[in-house]
Amino acid sequence: MVLTITDNARLQIEEMMKEEDQENVRLRFGVKGGGCSGLSYSLGFDYSVNEDVDLTEEINGVPVIISKQDIPVINGTTIDFKQNMMGGGFTIDNPNAIVSCGCGSSFKAKEREGSPENC
């Protein structure tokens, strides 16, 4: 499986999807160039799929879109949602990340290093 979504993350995503109030809303997960380690995660909602470049799956009940070109970089990744006294947020555990930024929002992967920027 390319991606795992924990039950905590699924519950949070479902709540956020209700707020979108549109049909065919899907979670889009991938990576983009940028961040101090070279790549950063992209997590948001999307309403359209490009069959030529996107993979669509239902993961733990969540409809997900992943760009096929990102699969080598995110294969095996787990998305979780953690709550603490300061609030909550999504966490991403990517076994392909060989270096992660101190701020936690960017990483470097062996497959696609990207170009580092300042953190």
PDB file of N, CA and C in Angstrom:
ATOM      1  N   MET A   1       0.844  -1.182   0.000  1.00  0.00           N
ATOM      2  CA  MET A   1       0.000   0.000   0.000  1.00  0.00           C
ATOM      3  C   MET A   1       0.890   1.246   0.000  1.00  0.00           C
ATOM      4  N   VAL A   2       0.588   2.154  -0.874  1.00  0.00           N
ATOM      5  CA  VAL A   2       1.371   3.381  -1.014  1.00  0.00           C
ATOM      6  C   VAL A   2       1.290   4.239   0.240  1.00  0.00           C
ATOM      7  N   LEU A   3       0.104   4.318   0.833  1.00  0.00           N
ATOM      8  CA  LEU A   3      -0.139   5.256   1.920  1.00  0.00           C
ATOM      9  C   LEU A   3      -1.037   4.605   2.960  1.00  0.00           C
ATOM     10  N   THR A   4      -0.762   4.888   4.236  1.00  0.00           N
ATOM     11  CA  THR A   4      -1.618   4.458   5.332  1.00  0.00           C
ATOM     12  C   THR A   4      -2.179   5.699   6.008  1.00  0.00           C
ATOM     13  N   ILE A   5      -3.462   5.673   6.283  1.00  0.00           N
ATOM     14  CA  ILE A   5      -4.119   6.752   7.027  1.00  0.00           C
ATOM     15  C   ILE A   5      -4.661   6.130   8.303  1.00  0.00           C
ATOM     16  N   THR A   6      -4.178   6.601   9.452  1.00  0.00           N
ATOM     17  CA  THR A   6      -4.623   6.048  10.730  1.00  0.00           C
ATOM     18  C   THR A   6      -6.076   6.434  10.988  1.00  0.00           C
ATOM     19  N   ASP A   7      -6.675   5.757  11.961  1.00  0.00           N
ATOM     20  CA  ASP A   7      -8.057   6.072  12.320  1.00  0.00           C
ATOM     21  C   ASP A   7      -8.190   7.510  12.824  1.00  0.00           C
ATOM     22  N   ASN A   8      -7.216   7.983  13.621  1.00  0.00           N
ATOM     23  CA  ASN A   8      -7.272   9.375  14.107  1.00  0.00           C
ATOM     24  C   ASN A   8      -7.231  10.355  12.946  1.00  0.00           C
ATOM     25  N   ALA A   9      -6.368  10.098  11.973  1.00  0.00           N
ATOM     26  CA  ALA A   9      -6.288  10.980  10.803  1.00  0.00           C
ATOM     27  C   ALA A   9      -7.568  10.904   9.988  1.00  0.00           C
ATOM     28  N   ARG A  10      -8.097   9.698   9.817  1.00  0.00           N
ATOM     29  CA  ARG A  10      -9.341   9.535   9.048  1.00  0.00           C
ATOM     30  C   ARG A  10     -10.470  10.351   9.668  1.00  0.00           C
ATOM     31  N   LEU A  11     -10.624  10.268  10.975  1.00  0.00           N
ATOM     32  CA  LEU A  11     -11.695  11.022  11.640  1.00  0.00           C
ATOM     33  C   LEU A  11     -11.546  12.522  11.413  1.00  0.00           C
ATOM     34  N   GLN A  12     -10.321  13.033  11.522  1.00  0.00           N
ATOM     35  CA  GLN A  12     -10.077  14.465  11.310  1.00  0.00           C
ATOM     36  C   GLN A  12     -10.338  14.849   9.856  1.00  0.00           C
ATOM     37  N   ILE A  13      -9.873  14.020   8.927  1.00  0.00           N
ATOM     38  CA  ILE A  13     -10.079  14.297   7.503  1.00  0.00           C
ATOM     39  C   ILE A  13     -11.567  14.296   7.166  1.00  0.00           C
ATOM     40  N   GLU A  14     -12.317  13.336   7.710  1.00  0.00           N
ATOM     41  CA  GLU A  14     -13.762  13.278   7.462  1.00  0.00           C
ATOM     42  C   GLU A  14     -14.457  14.541   7.948  1.00  0.00           C
ATOM     43  N   GLU A  15     -14.064  15.034   9.123  1.00  0.00           N
ATOM     44  CA  GLU A  15     -14.652  16.278   9.644  1.00  0.00           C
ATOM     45  C   GLU A  15     -14.340  17.451   8.720  1.00  0.00           C
ATOM     46  N   MET A  16     -13.108  17.516   8.255  1.00  0.00           N
ATOM     47  CA  MET A  16     -12.707  18.607   7.370  1.00  0.00           C
ATOM     48  C   MET A  16     -13.411  18.505   6.014  1.00  0.00           C
ATOM     49  N   MET A  17     -13.629  17.293   5.538  1.00  0.00           N
ATOM     50  CA  MET A  17     -14.304  17.098   4.252  1.00  0.00           C
ATOM     51  C   MET A  17     -15.760  17.565   4.332  1.00  0.00           C
ATOM     52  N   LYS A  18     -16.397  17.370   5.488  1.00  0.00           N
ATOM     53  CA  LYS A  18     -17.775  17.840   5.671  1.00  0.00           C
ATOM     54  C   LYS A  18     -17.857  19.351   5.495  1.00  0.00           C
ATOM     55  N   GLU A  19     -16.836  20.055   5.937  1.00  0.00           N
ATOM     56  CA  GLU A  19     -16.803  21.511   5.822  1.00  0.00           C
ATOM     57  C   GLU A  19     -16.633  21.969   4.376  1.00  0.00           C
ATOM     58  N   GLU A  20     -16.068  21.109   3.524  1.00  0.00           N
ATOM     59  CA  GLU A  20     -15.889  21.450   2.111  1.00  0.00           C
ATOM     60  C   GLU A  20     -17.234  21.565   1.398  1.00  0.00           C
ATOM     61  N   ASP A  21     -18.218  20.782   1.834  1.00  0.00           N
ATOM     62  CA  ASP A  21     -19.596  20.887   1.344  1.00  0.00           C
ATOM     63  C   ASP A  21     -19.700  20.798  -0.181  1.00  0.00           C
ATOM     64  N   GLN A  22     -18.893  19.940  -0.790  1.00  0.00           N
ATOM     65  CA  GLN A  22     -18.989  19.715  -2.227  1.00  0.00           C
ATOM     66  C   GLN A  22     -18.853  18.226  -2.493  1.00  0.00           C
ATOM     67  N   GLU A  23     -19.500  17.780  -3.553  1.00  0.00           N
ATOM     68  CA  GLU A  23     -19.389  16.381  -3.940  1.00  0.00           C
ATOM     69  C   GLU A  23     -18.033  16.131  -4.585  1.00  0.00           C
ATOM     70  N   ASN A  24     -17.641  14.888  -4.589  1.00  0.00           N
ATOM     71  CA  ASN A  24     -16.399  14.441  -5.216  1.00  0.00           C
ATOM     72  C   ASN A  24     -15.148  15.042  -4.600  1.00  0.00           C
ATOM     73  N   VAL A  25     -15.211  15.472  -3.353  1.00  0.00           N
ATOM     74  CA  VAL A  25     -14.019  15.982  -2.689  1.00  0.00           C
ATOM     75  C   VAL A  25     -13.147  14.787  -2.304  1.00  0.00           C
ATOM     76  N   ARG A  26     -11.858  14.926  -2.559  1.00  0.00           N
ATOM     77  CA  ARG A  26     -10.887  13.889  -2.235  1.00  0.00           C
ATOM     78  C   ARG A  26      -9.685  14.536  -1.556  1.00  0.00           C
ATOM     79  N   LEU A  27      -8.990  13.746  -0.776  1.00  0.00           N
ATOM     80  CA  LEU A  27      -7.735  14.193  -0.187  1.00  0.00           C
ATOM     81  C   LEU A  27      -6.644  14.018  -1.232  1.00  0.00           C
ATOM     82  N   ARG A  28      -5.864  15.072  -1.467  1.00  0.00           N
ATOM     83  CA  ARG A  28      -4.710  14.959  -2.365  1.00  0.00           C
ATOM     84  C   ARG A  28      -3.459  15.037  -1.496  1.00  0.00           C
ATOM     85  N   PHE A  29      -2.612  14.006  -1.640  1.00  0.00           N
ATOM     86  CA  PHE A  29      -1.363  13.950  -0.888  1.00  0.00           C
ATOM     87  C   PHE A  29      -0.210  13.771  -1.854  1.00  0.00           C
ATOM     88  N   GLY A  30       0.862  14.521  -1.623  1.00  0.00           N
ATOM     89  CA  GLY A  30       2.033  14.394  -2.475  1.00  0.00           C
ATOM     90  C   GLY A  30       3.176  15.217  -1.928  1.00  0.00           C
ATOM     91  N   VAL A  31       4.143  15.469  -2.797  1.00  0.00           N
ATOM     92  CA  VAL A  31       5.298  16.270  -2.431  1.00  0.00           C
ATOM     93  C   VAL A  31       5.522  17.348  -3.473  1.00  0.00           C
ATOM     94  N   LYS A  32       6.187  18.393  -3.056  1.00  0.00           N
ATOM     95  CA  LYS A  32       6.561  19.462  -3.976  1.00  0.00           C
ATOM     96  C   LYS A  32       7.960  19.922  -3.605  1.00  0.00           C
ATOM     97  N   GLY A  33       8.653  20.522  -4.546  1.00  0.00           N
ATOM     98  CA  GLY A  33       9.977  21.050  -4.276  1.00  0.00           C
ATOM     99  C   GLY A  33       9.891  22.237  -3.340  1.00  0.00           C
ATOM    100  N   GLY A  34      10.850  22.336  -2.437  1.00  0.00           N
ATOM    101  CA  GLY A  34      10.878  23.463  -1.517  1.00  0.00           C
ATOM    102  C   GLY A  34      11.165  23.025  -0.107  1.00  0.00           C
ATOM    103  N   GLY A  35      11.355  23.978   0.736  1.00  0.00           N
ATOM    104  CA  GLY A  35      11.708  23.698   2.116  1.00  0.00           C
ATOM    105  C   GLY A  35      13.210  23.570   2.251  1.00  0.00           C
ATOM    106  N   CYS A  36      13.699  23.641   3.458  1.00  0.00           N
ATOM    107  CA  CYS A  36      15.147  23.658   3.660  1.00  0.00           C
ATOM    108  C   CYS A  36      15.805  22.311   3.399  1.00  0.00           C
ATOM    109  N   SER A  37      15.048  21.230   3.352  1.00  0.00           N
ATOM    110  CA  SER A  37      15.640  19.929   3.066  1.00  0.00           C
ATOM    111  C   SER A  37      15.423  19.494   1.620  1.00  0.00           C
ATOM    112  N   GLY A  38      14.701  20.264   0.830  1.00  0.00           N
ATOM    113  CA  GLY A  38      14.544  19.976  -0.594  1.00  0.00           C
ATOM    114  C   GLY A  38      13.136  19.669  -1.036  1.00  0.00           C
ATOM    115  N   LEU A  39      12.361  18.947  -0.229  1.00  0.00           N
ATOM    116  CA  LEU A  39      10.985  18.603  -0.574  1.00  0.00           C
ATOM    117  C   LEU A  39      10.077  18.921   0.607  1.00  0.00           C
ATOM    118  N   SER A  40       8.820  19.218   0.323  1.00  0.00           N
ATOM    119  CA  SER A  40       7.843  19.392   1.388  1.00  0.00           C
ATOM    120  C   SER A  40       6.563  18.660   0.994  1.00  0.00           C
ATOM    121  N   TYR A  41       5.792  18.312   1.991  1.00  0.00           N
ATOM    122  CA  TYR A  41       4.550  17.578   1.754  1.00  0.00           C
ATOM    123  C   TYR A  41       3.441  18.513   1.318  1.00  0.00           C
ATOM    124  N   SER A  42       2.571  17.992   0.503  1.00  0.00           N
ATOM    125  CA  SER A  42       1.392  18.716   0.065  1.00  0.00           C
ATOM    126  C   SER A  42       0.179  17.896   0.490  1.00  0.00           C
ATOM    127  N   LEU A  43      -0.685  18.489   1.293  1.00  0.00           N
ATOM    128  CA  LEU A  43      -1.861  17.806   1.817  1.00  0.00           C
ATOM    129  C   LEU A  43      -3.030  18.768   1.736  1.00  0.00           C
ATOM    130  N   GLY A  44      -4.041  18.411   0.964  1.00  0.00           N
ATOM    131  CA  GLY A  44      -5.191  19.288   0.803  1.00  0.00           C
ATOM    132  C   GLY A  44      -6.317  18.560   0.104  1.00  0.00           C
ATOM    133  N   PHE A  45      -7.344  19.296  -0.266  1.00  0.00           N
ATOM    134  CA  PHE A  45      -8.493  18.696  -0.941  1.00  0.00           C
ATOM    135  C   PHE A  45      -8.490  19.054  -2.412  1.00  0.00           C
ATOM    136  N   ASP A  46      -9.024  18.134  -3.221  1.00  0.00           N
ATOM    137  CA  ASP A  46      -9.098  18.336  -4.663  1.00  0.00           C
ATOM    138  C   ASP A  46     -10.407  17.738  -5.151  1.00  0.00           C
ATOM    139  N   TYR A  47     -10.889  18.247  -6.269  1.00  0.00           N
ATOM    140  CA  TYR A  47     -12.179  17.808  -6.810  1.00  0.00           C
ATOM    141  C   TYR A  47     -12.041  17.161  -8.177  1.00  0.00           C
ATOM    142  N   SER A  48     -10.842  17.173  -8.741  1.00  0.00           N
ATOM    143  CA  SER A  48     -10.677  16.599 -10.073  1.00  0.00           C
ATOM    144  C   SER A  48      -9.467  15.677 -10.100  1.00  0.00           C
ATOM    145  N   VAL A  49      -9.545  14.695 -10.981  1.00  0.00           N
ATOM    146  CA  VAL A  49      -8.496  13.702 -11.140  1.00  0.00           C
ATOM    147  C   VAL A  49      -8.042  13.721 -12.586  1.00  0.00           C
ATOM    148  N   ASN A  50      -6.741  13.703 -12.798  1.00  0.00           N
ATOM    149  CA  ASN A  50      -6.188  13.551 -14.135  1.00  0.00           C
ATOM    150  C   ASN A  50      -5.752  12.091 -14.253  1.00  0.00           C
ATOM    151  N   GLU A  51      -6.534  11.281 -14.926  1.00  0.00           N
ATOM    152  CA  GLU A  51      -6.297   9.840 -15.010  1.00  0.00           C
ATOM    153  C   GLU A  51      -4.907   9.505 -15.538  1.00  0.00           C
ATOM    154  N   ASP A  52      -4.315  10.379 -16.357  1.00  0.00           N
ATOM    155  CA  ASP A  52      -2.992  10.112 -16.927  1.00  0.00           C
ATOM    156  C   ASP A  52      -1.876  10.203 -15.895  1.00  0.00           C
ATOM    157  N   VAL A  53      -2.034  11.063 -14.912  1.00  0.00           N
ATOM    158  CA  VAL A  53      -0.940  11.282 -13.960  1.00  0.00           C
ATOM    159  C   VAL A  53      -1.290  10.977 -12.507  1.00  0.00           C
ATOM    160  N   ASP A  54      -2.569  10.738 -12.200  1.00  0.00           N
ATOM    161  CA  ASP A  54      -2.991  10.529 -10.820  1.00  0.00           C
ATOM    162  C   ASP A  54      -3.412   9.086 -10.554  1.00  0.00           C
ATOM    163  N   LEU A  55      -3.136   8.648  -9.346  1.00  0.00           N
ATOM    164  CA  LEU A  55      -3.633   7.390  -8.822  1.00  0.00           C
ATOM    165  C   LEU A  55      -4.732   7.738  -7.829  1.00  0.00           C
ATOM    166  N   THR A  56      -5.865   7.060  -7.913  1.00  0.00           N
ATOM    167  CA  THR A  56      -6.934   7.283  -6.942  1.00  0.00           C
ATOM    168  C   THR A  56      -7.188   5.981  -6.196  1.00  0.00           C
ATOM    169  N   GLU A  57      -7.299   6.089  -4.893  1.00  0.00           N
ATOM    170  CA  GLU A  57      -7.564   4.945  -4.027  1.00  0.00           C
ATOM    171  C   GLU A  57      -8.444   5.378  -2.878  1.00  0.00           C
ATOM    172  N   GLU A  58      -9.124   4.412  -2.285  1.00  0.00           N
ATOM    173  CA  GLU A  58      -9.801   4.669  -1.027  1.00  0.00           C
ATOM    174  C   GLU A  58      -8.950   4.012   0.046  1.00  0.00           C
ATOM    175  N   ILE A  59      -8.467   4.815   0.979  1.00  0.00           N
ATOM    176  CA  ILE A  59      -7.577   4.338   2.030  1.00  0.00           C
ATOM    177  C   ILE A  59      -8.242   4.580   3.373  1.00  0.00           C
ATOM    178  N   ASN A  60      -8.554   3.507   4.065  1.00  0.00           N
ATOM    179  CA  ASN A  60      -9.240   3.579   5.358  1.00  0.00           C
ATOM    180  C   ASN A  60     -10.501   4.436   5.261  1.00  0.00           C
ATOM    181  N   GLY A  61     -11.217   4.296   4.162  1.00  0.00           N
ATOM    182  CA  GLY A  61     -12.470   5.017   3.978  1.00  0.00           C
ATOM    183  C   GLY A  61     -12.330   6.420   3.428  1.00  0.00           C
ATOM    184  N   VAL A  62     -11.112   6.870   3.169  1.00  0.00           N
ATOM    185  CA  VAL A  62     -10.868   8.223   2.662  1.00  0.00           C
ATOM    186  C   VAL A  62     -10.510   8.146   1.179  1.00  0.00           C
ATOM    187  N   PRO A  63     -11.254   8.857   0.317  1.00  0.00           N
ATOM    188  CA  PRO A  63     -10.865   8.903  -1.091  1.00  0.00           C
ATOM    189  C   PRO A  63      -9.616   9.775  -1.260  1.00  0.00           C
ATOM    190  N   VAL A  64      -8.582   9.203  -1.886  1.00  0.00           N
ATOM    191  CA  VAL A  64      -7.277   9.858  -1.961  1.00  0.00           C
ATOM    192  C   VAL A  64      -6.798   9.936  -3.402  1.00  0.00           C
ATOM    193  N   ILE A  65      -6.155  11.052  -3.736  1.00  0.00           N
ATOM    194  CA  ILE A  65      -5.490  11.244  -5.023  1.00  0.00           C
ATOM    195  C   ILE A  65      -3.995  11.398  -4.747  1.00  0.00           C
ATOM    196  N   ILE A  66      -3.181  10.640  -5.493  1.00  0.00           N
ATOM    197  CA  ILE A  66      -1.727  10.738  -5.390  1.00  0.00           C
ATOM    198  C   ILE A  66      -1.179  10.834  -6.803  1.00  0.00           C
ATOM    199  N   SER A  67      -0.303  11.788  -7.049  1.00  0.00           N
ATOM    200  CA  SER A  67       0.358  11.880  -8.338  1.00  0.00           C
ATOM    201  C   SER A  67       1.279  10.667  -8.491  1.00  0.00           C
ATOM    202  N   LYS A  68       1.195   9.992  -9.620  1.00  0.00           N
ATOM    203  CA  LYS A  68       2.007   8.797  -9.851  1.00  0.00           C
ATOM    204  C   LYS A  68       3.492   9.077  -9.728  1.00  0.00           C
ATOM    205  N   GLN A  69       3.927  10.280 -10.081  1.00  0.00           N
ATOM    206  CA  GLN A  69       5.350  10.602  -9.998  1.00  0.00           C
ATOM    207  C   GLN A  69       5.845  10.700  -8.556  1.00  0.00           C
ATOM    208  N   ASP A  70       4.933  10.897  -7.589  1.00  0.00           N
ATOM    209  CA  ASP A  70       5.316  11.004  -6.187  1.00  0.00           C
ATOM    210  C   ASP A  70       5.405   9.653  -5.478  1.00  0.00           C
ATOM    211  N   ILE A  71       4.884   8.606  -6.083  1.00  0.00           N
ATOM    212  CA  ILE A  71       4.821   7.305  -5.412  1.00  0.00           C
ATOM    213  C   ILE A  71       6.183   6.821  -4.917  1.00  0.00           C
ATOM    214  N   PRO A  72       7.267   6.887  -5.700  1.00  0.00           N
ATOM    215  CA  PRO A  72       8.548   6.403  -5.166  1.00  0.00           C
ATOM    216  C   PRO A  72       9.016   7.155  -3.921  1.00  0.00           C
ATOM    217  N   VAL A  73       8.616   8.411  -3.786  1.00  0.00           N
ATOM    218  CA  VAL A  73       9.056   9.238  -2.667  1.00  0.00           C
ATOM    219  C   VAL A  73       8.180   9.041  -1.428  1.00  0.00           C
ATOM    220  N   ILE A  74       6.918   8.674  -1.608  1.00  0.00           N
ATOM    221  CA  ILE A  74       6.008   8.556  -0.460  1.00  0.00           C
ATOM    222  C   ILE A  74       5.556   7.130  -0.177  1.00  0.00           C
ATOM    223  N   ASN A  75       5.995   6.169  -0.956  1.00  0.00           N
ATOM    224  CA  ASN A  75       5.557   4.783  -0.778  1.00  0.00           C
ATOM    225  C   ASN A  75       5.828   4.312   0.652  1.00  0.00           C
ATOM    226  N   GLY A  76       4.795   3.825   1.324  1.00  0.00           N
ATOM    227  CA  GLY A  76       4.918   3.340   2.690  1.00  0.00           C
ATOM    228  C   GLY A  76       4.684   4.386   3.762  1.00  0.00           C
ATOM    229  N   THR A  77       4.316   5.597   3.375  1.00  0.00           N
ATOM    230  CA  THR A  77       4.116   6.702   4.312  1.00  0.00           C
ATOM    231  C   THR A  77       2.834   6.504   5.128  1.00  0.00           C
ATOM    232  N   THR A  78       2.872   6.938   6.378  1.00  0.00           N
ATOM    233  CA  THR A  78       1.708   6.914   7.265  1.00  0.00           C
ATOM    234  C   THR A  78       1.343   8.336   7.653  1.00  0.00           C
ATOM    235  N   ILE A  79       0.068   8.676   7.494  1.00  0.00           N
ATOM    236  CA  ILE A  79      -0.456   9.968   7.941  1.00  0.00           C
ATOM    237  C   ILE A  79      -1.251   9.715   9.219  1.00  0.00           C
ATOM    238  N   ASP A  80      -0.933  10.471  10.262  1.00  0.00           N
ATOM    239  CA  ASP A  80      -1.612  10.348  11.545  1.00  0.00           C
ATOM    240  C   ASP A  80      -2.059  11.735  11.983  1.00  0.00           C
ATOM    241  N   PHE A  81      -2.947  11.792  12.957  1.00  0.00           N
ATOM    242  CA  PHE A  81      -3.349  13.058  13.555  1.00  0.00           C
ATOM    243  C   PHE A  81      -3.153  12.915  15.049  1.00  0.00           C
ATOM    244  N   LYS A  82      -2.386  13.849  15.613  1.00  0.00           N
ATOM    245  CA  LYS A  82      -2.099  13.799  17.049  1.00  0.00           C
ATOM    246  C   LYS A  82      -2.631  15.050  17.717  1.00  0.00           C
ATOM    247  N   GLN A  83      -3.271  14.826  18.846  1.00  0.00           N
ATOM    248  CA  GLN A  83      -3.832  15.905  19.648  1.00  0.00           C
ATOM    249  C   GLN A  83      -2.960  16.082  20.881  1.00  0.00           C
ATOM    250  N   ASN A  84      -2.669  17.335  21.241  1.00  0.00           N
ATOM    251  CA  ASN A  84      -1.947  17.605  22.485  1.00  0.00           C
ATOM    252  C   ASN A  84      -2.530  18.863  23.115  1.00  0.00           C
ATOM    253  N   MET A  85      -1.936  19.319  24.185  1.00  0.00           N
ATOM    254  CA  MET A  85      -2.479  20.476  24.911  1.00  0.00           C
ATOM    255  C   MET A  85      -2.423  21.765  24.104  1.00  0.00           C
ATOM    256  N   MET A  86      -1.567  21.812  23.099  1.00  0.00           N
ATOM    257  CA  MET A  86      -1.430  23.002  22.267  1.00  0.00           C
ATOM    258  C   MET A  86      -2.324  22.935  21.029  1.00  0.00           C
ATOM    259  N   GLY A  87      -3.090  21.882  20.909  1.00  0.00           N
ATOM    260  CA  GLY A  87      -3.938  21.702  19.736  1.00  0.00           C
ATOM    261  C   GLY A  87      -3.630  20.369  19.081  1.00  0.00           C
ATOM    262  N   GLY A  88      -3.809  20.309  17.808  1.00  0.00           N
ATOM    263  CA  GLY A  88      -3.550  19.061  17.106  1.00  0.00           C
ATOM    264  C   GLY A  88      -3.000  19.324  15.730  1.00  0.00           C
ATOM    265  N   GLY A  89      -2.508  18.274  15.129  1.00  0.00           N
ATOM    266  CA  GLY A  89      -1.991  18.417  13.784  1.00  0.00           C
ATOM    267  C   GLY A  89      -1.671  17.075  13.164  1.00  0.00           C
ATOM    268  N   PHE A  90      -1.531  17.077  11.855  1.00  0.00           N
ATOM    269  CA  PHE A  90      -1.186  15.867  11.127  1.00  0.00           C
ATOM    270  C   PHE A  90       0.310  15.616  11.258  1.00  0.00           C
ATOM    271  N   THR A  91       0.670  14.352  11.387  1.00  0.00           N
ATOM    272  CA  THR A  91       2.067  13.949  11.366  1.00  0.00           C
ATOM    273  C   THR A  91       2.252  12.985  10.206  1.00  0.00           C
ATOM    274  N   ILE A  92       3.416  13.038   9.615  1.00  0.00           N
ATOM    275  CA  ILE A  92       3.712  12.204   8.457  1.00  0.00           C
ATOM    276  C   ILE A  92       4.977  11.423   8.747  1.00  0.00           C
ATOM    277  N   ASP A  93       4.865  10.103   8.686  1.00  0.00           N
ATOM    278  CA  ASP A  93       6.004   9.215   8.895  1.00  0.00           C
ATOM    279  C   ASP A  93       6.338   8.583   7.551  1.00  0.00           C
ATOM    280  N   ASN A  94       7.431   9.037   6.954  1.00  0.00           N
ATOM    281  CA  ASN A  94       7.826   8.601   5.621  1.00  0.00           C
ATOM    282  C   ASN A  94       9.120   7.799   5.710  1.00  0.00           C
ATOM    283  N   PRO A  95       9.071   6.485   5.429  1.00  0.00           N
ATOM    284  CA  PRO A  95      10.287   5.675   5.510  1.00  0.00           C
ATOM    285  C   PRO A  95      11.313   6.009   4.424  1.00  0.00           C
ATOM    286  N   ASN A  96      10.929   6.785   3.425  1.00  0.00           N
ATOM    287  CA  ASN A  96      11.825   7.170   2.337  1.00  0.00           C
ATOM    288  C   ASN A  96      12.588   8.452   2.619  1.00  0.00           C
ATOM    289  N   ALA A  97      12.256   9.142   3.706  1.00  0.00           N
ATOM    290  CA  ALA A  97      12.935  10.389   4.065  1.00  0.00           C
ATOM    291  C   ALA A  97      14.284  10.040   4.690  1.00  0.00           C
ATOM    292  N   ILE A  98      15.350  10.523   4.068  1.00  0.00           N
ATOM    293  CA  ILE A  98      16.678  10.245   4.601  1.00  0.00           C
ATOM    294  C   ILE A  98      17.178  11.385   5.481  1.00  0.00           C
ATOM    295  N   VAL A  99      16.615  12.572   5.308  1.00  0.00           N
ATOM    296  CA  VAL A  99      16.928  13.734   6.137  1.00  0.00           C
ATOM    297  C   VAL A  99      15.636  14.526   6.305  1.00  0.00           C
ATOM    298  N   SER A 100      15.352  14.942   7.528  1.00  0.00           N
ATOM    299  CA  SER A 100      14.189  15.796   7.779  1.00  0.00           C
ATOM    300  C   SER A 100      14.661  17.104   8.383  1.00  0.00           C
ATOM    301  N   CYS A 101      13.948  18.156   8.065  1.00  0.00           N
ATOM    302  CA  CYS A 101      14.263  19.486   8.571  1.00  0.00           C
ATOM    303  C   CYS A 101      13.912  19.568  10.049  1.00  0.00           C
ATOM    304  N   GLY A 102      14.610  20.410  10.764  1.00  0.00           N
ATOM    305  CA  GLY A 102      14.318  20.623  12.174  1.00  0.00           C
ATOM    306  C   GLY A 102      12.915  21.146  12.410  1.00  0.00           C
ATOM    307  N   CYS A 103      12.371  21.893  11.451  1.00  0.00           N
ATOM    308  CA  CYS A 103      11.011  22.420  11.609  1.00  0.00           C
ATOM    309  C   CYS A 103       9.960  21.357  11.292  1.00  0.00           C
ATOM    310  N   GLY A 104      10.386  20.205  10.723  1.00  0.00           N
ATOM    311  CA  GLY A 104       9.480  19.095  10.484  1.00  0.00           C
ATOM    312  C   GLY A 104       8.623  19.205   9.254  1.00  0.00           C
ATOM    313  N   SER A 105       8.770  20.253   8.468  1.00  0.00           N
ATOM    314  CA  SER A 105       7.880  20.413   7.315  1.00  0.00           C
ATOM    315  C   SER A 105       8.535  20.079   5.983  1.00  0.00           C
ATOM    316  N   SER A 106       9.816  19.751   6.001  1.00  0.00           N
ATOM    317  CA  SER A 106      10.447  19.379   4.742  1.00  0.00           C
ATOM    318  C   SER A 106      11.383  18.201   4.959  1.00  0.00           C
ATOM    319  N   PHE A 107      11.768  17.556   3.861  1.00  0.00           N
ATOM    320  CA  PHE A 107      12.591  16.363   3.954  1.00  0.00           C
ATOM    321  C   PHE A 107      13.367  16.176   2.658  1.00  0.00           C
ATOM    322  N   LYS A 108      14.311  15.269   2.709  1.00  0.00           N
ATOM    323  CA  LYS A 108      15.064  14.876   1.522  1.00  0.00           C
ATOM    324  C   LYS A 108      14.876  13.373   1.358  1.00  0.00           C
ATOM    325  N   ALA A 109      14.581  12.953   0.137  1.00  0.00           N
ATOM    326  CA  ALA A 109      14.400  11.534  -0.157  1.00  0.00           C
ATOM    327  C   ALA A 109      15.469  11.091  -1.141  1.00  0.00           C
ATOM    328  N   LYS A 110      15.875   9.855  -1.020  1.00  0.00           N
ATOM    329  CA  LYS A 110      16.904   9.320  -1.898  1.00  0.00           C
ATOM    330  C   LYS A 110      16.466   9.376  -3.357  1.00  0.00           C
ATOM    331  N   GLU A 111      15.187   9.127  -3.629  1.00  0.00           N
ATOM    332  CA  GLU A 111      14.661   9.078  -4.991  1.00  0.00           C
ATOM    333  C   GLU A 111      14.663  10.427  -5.701  1.00  0.00           C
ATOM    334  N   ARG A 112      14.324  11.501  -4.957  1.00  0.00           N
ATOM    335  CA  ARG A 112      14.193  12.828  -5.570  1.00  0.00           C
ATOM    336  C   ARG A 112      14.618  13.868  -4.548  1.00  0.00           C
ATOM    337  N   GLU A 113      15.832  14.324  -4.651  1.00  0.00           N
ATOM    338  CA  GLU A 113      16.388  15.187  -3.612  1.00  0.00           C
ATOM    339  C   GLU A 113      15.843  16.597  -3.615  1.00  0.00           C
ATOM    340  N   GLY A 114      15.471  17.146  -4.729  1.00  0.00           N
ATOM    341  CA  GLY A 114      14.969  18.514  -4.748  1.00  0.00           C
ATOM    342  C   GLY A 114      16.094  19.504  -4.537  1.00  0.00           C
ATOM    343  N   SER A 115      15.752  20.767  -4.422  1.00  0.00           N
ATOM    344  CA  SER A 115      16.769  21.803  -4.211  1.00  0.00           C
ATOM    345  C   SER A 115      16.520  22.482  -2.870  1.00  0.00           C
ATOM    346  N   PRO A 116      17.470  22.389  -1.938  1.00  0.00           N
ATOM    347  CA  PRO A 116      17.283  22.974  -0.616  1.00  0.00           C
ATOM    348  C   PRO A 116      17.121  24.486  -0.636  1.00  0.00           C
ATOM    349  N   GLU A 117      16.344  24.983   0.322  1.00  0.00           N
ATOM    350  CA  GLU A 117      16.176  26.408   0.542  1.00  0.00           C
ATOM    351  C   GLU A 117      16.410  26.663   2.029  1.00  0.00           C
ATOM    352  N   ASN A 118      16.390  27.890   2.413  1.00  0.00           N
ATOM    353  CA  ASN A 118      16.530  28.200   3.838  1.00  0.00           C
ATOM    354  C   ASN A 118      15.275  27.851   4.603  1.00  0.00           C
ATOM    355  N   CYS A 119      15.445  27.382   5.824  1.00  0.00           N
ATOM    356  CA  CYS A 119      14.317  26.980   6.670  1.00  0.00           C
ATOM    357  C   CYS A 119      13.679  28.193   7.320  1.00  0.00           C
TER     358      CYS A 119
END
